[in-house]
């Protein structure tokens, strides 16, 4: 199919431009859940067909609590995507997770409040497992490639996802750090990751640390985050460029493609 792809990339804050790919074309995908964040750009890199969608839309016009994740994931599924690489910006909840570091989450804690969390709203019930929410094969490949690129990396992290668009209070930040023992915090992982699981798509989060959250007694500012993020964008692009050809065609080392087995009632 002309409008199809093997790997989907959901570009996060600062990662809007699919300039890495050749033979690019934009397609508008209609879904039962409304409009995706933007048109999907389909292109090729190293012989691999890739579909790119900016999570916040071009120009970062969609706030985190208004992202239509159901439409985004549905659109990628409709285009044949089997694996999703999802860069995002996060705050750090631990001293050792420094601005500029890359974290590859293995767990999340959901503190969002009013999002659309499932494709199964009635008629059929689905209780999909998110015990281990990220694709183990993609995580292993990513960690290996990051180490070879000699970027600072944390091979595990618990990601706290909050509703946004405001940042945390000091009390909330210290709760996430001291009580929940989480490592990073952001606003976009949920429900993107769990919808990908329902769609039986492998999902990898590449979380780039931009700041220490307010537990560090310095209020977070968007300006500081964007400044740090700008320095990290090239690093993220290099990693994505390395990951795409390193990802095998067949999914032999994960069960993401069978996630709905035993999940539907």
Foldseek 3Di string as FASTA:
>chain_A
DVQAFAEEEAEEVPRADPVQFPPKDWDFDQDPQGGAQETWIWGDAPRGIYIYDHQCHPPNPRFQLRGSLLNVLVRNVVRVYQAYEYEYEWAWLDPVQDAQEKEWEFAEDEAEDDHDQEPPPDPKAFDFDCVGLAWPVLLVLLVVLCVVVVGHYHSYWYEYAYADPDADDLVVSCCCCPVVVTTIYYHHVPPNSVHLLVSLHHYIYTYGHQYHDCPVVDHDDPVSSVVSVNVNNVVVVVSVSVSRVVDDSDDDPGCSNVRRVVGMD
